[in-house]
Amino acid sequence: MSAATTNPQQEPGTGSSGTKVLMSLMAAVVVLIGISRISSIVGPVFLALVLTICVHPVKQHLMARGAPPVLAGLATILSVYAMVAALVASLWVSAIELTRLLPQFTPQIAELRSDLRGFLHDTLGIGDDQVRAIVESVDLRVLLDTAYNLLGSAMNIGSGLIFLLLLVMFMGIDATYYPTIMAVVREKRAPVVEALANFARLSRSFMVMTTIFGAIVAALNFILLLALGVPGAGLWALLSFVCGFIPFIGFWISLVPAAIMALLAGGLPTFIGVVAFYGVINSLIQSVIQPKFVSGAVNLNMTLTFLSVIFWSALLGPLGALMAVPLSLFARAVLVDSHPQSAWLKPFIGDIGESKAMLAAQRAQAKAGKAAGTAKG
């Protein structure tokens, strides 16, 4: 007897629908694996796209003021080049500064290892073998190797940087034709054009707001570290600025090296001061205030924002962590916003405008009912 006879209540097409879902999931997995294999290409391409989107209003403003399109496009390309050059130069100087600073603290590291050995063995009663393994991990050579690897990466950034700069130049030139292209596509795929335009607007808002908050945090950190006499204050301030583009996790990445340097240079009081300041000011701005503004500006809830960092960093590496929010916005634009039939998913991923309006109406109705009951009483 056939399956259709034994289960007459099965809806037609249910099996084929399940097969389509399974095939879609398998295709998604294959695509993600492919993206991870070419992450060295995907990451710079997306970074160039976001940078081009961020400076595009400059081109529009210049053209509105009567500047020729060629000069306006050249100005936007040069502005991106200036930002990239400033960042690369800062990283280069910071890497050199780090390799110069670390050897100066050999005696402090030896003393720290001795104090750690006494605390673990005498105070906590940990065995000699475990103590030895822990203490040996606190080694200047590990820190020096990390610093030299960072410097080597900075020296080998040339080919990737040239690739990025060429992409920015080509995208900046092609951006002249984007409005016309979008106008043509809008006639046949209006939802796609609207979704991509919304992605560009939200990505620009995220980058601008994150840059502002990151600059504030970096300035406060620099003033604190300079006042406490922590070596490399500019380096740690720059690190906190860059890590500001990594929601939630970036704060901890920027805290650890600054706290270690404070402990080596000024001892426990300086270490406590840095940790306390970072814990209060940085966590307040980067983990409370900034996510609320950013999540509201880009319509991504805080859970999805956090998961985006984990997912994209695993897929694309450090650049994926830095571009996690724009990458998620692009994925949402392609997979959800471009398809009107998927609009029901938006409240689950952060677009809660309609939900807030409904909640406000329910509260107003409940308040009106309570007032009416009180008046009758």
Foldseek 3Di string as FASTA:
>chain_A
DDPCVVCVPDDPCPVVVVVVVVVVVVVVVVVLVVCLVVLLPVLLLVVLVLLLLLLVVQLVVCVVVPDDSVVSLVVSLVVSVVVVVVLLVLLLVLLVQQLVPLVVLPVLLVVVLVVQLCCCCVVVNDDPVVSVVVSVVSDSVVSNVVSVVSNVCSVPCVVSVVVSSVSNSVCSVCVVCVVVVLVVVCVPQVLLSVLVVLLSQLSNVLVVLLQVLLLVQLVVQLVLCVVLVQPPSNSLSSQSSLLSLQAPVSLVVSQVVSLVSLCSPPNDVSSVVSCVCSVPVVCCRRVPVSVVVSCVSNQFDPVQSNVLLVVQCVRNNPSSSSCSSSVVSVVCSVPASSDPVNVVCSVVGGNCPVVVVVVVVVVVVVVVVVVVVVVVD
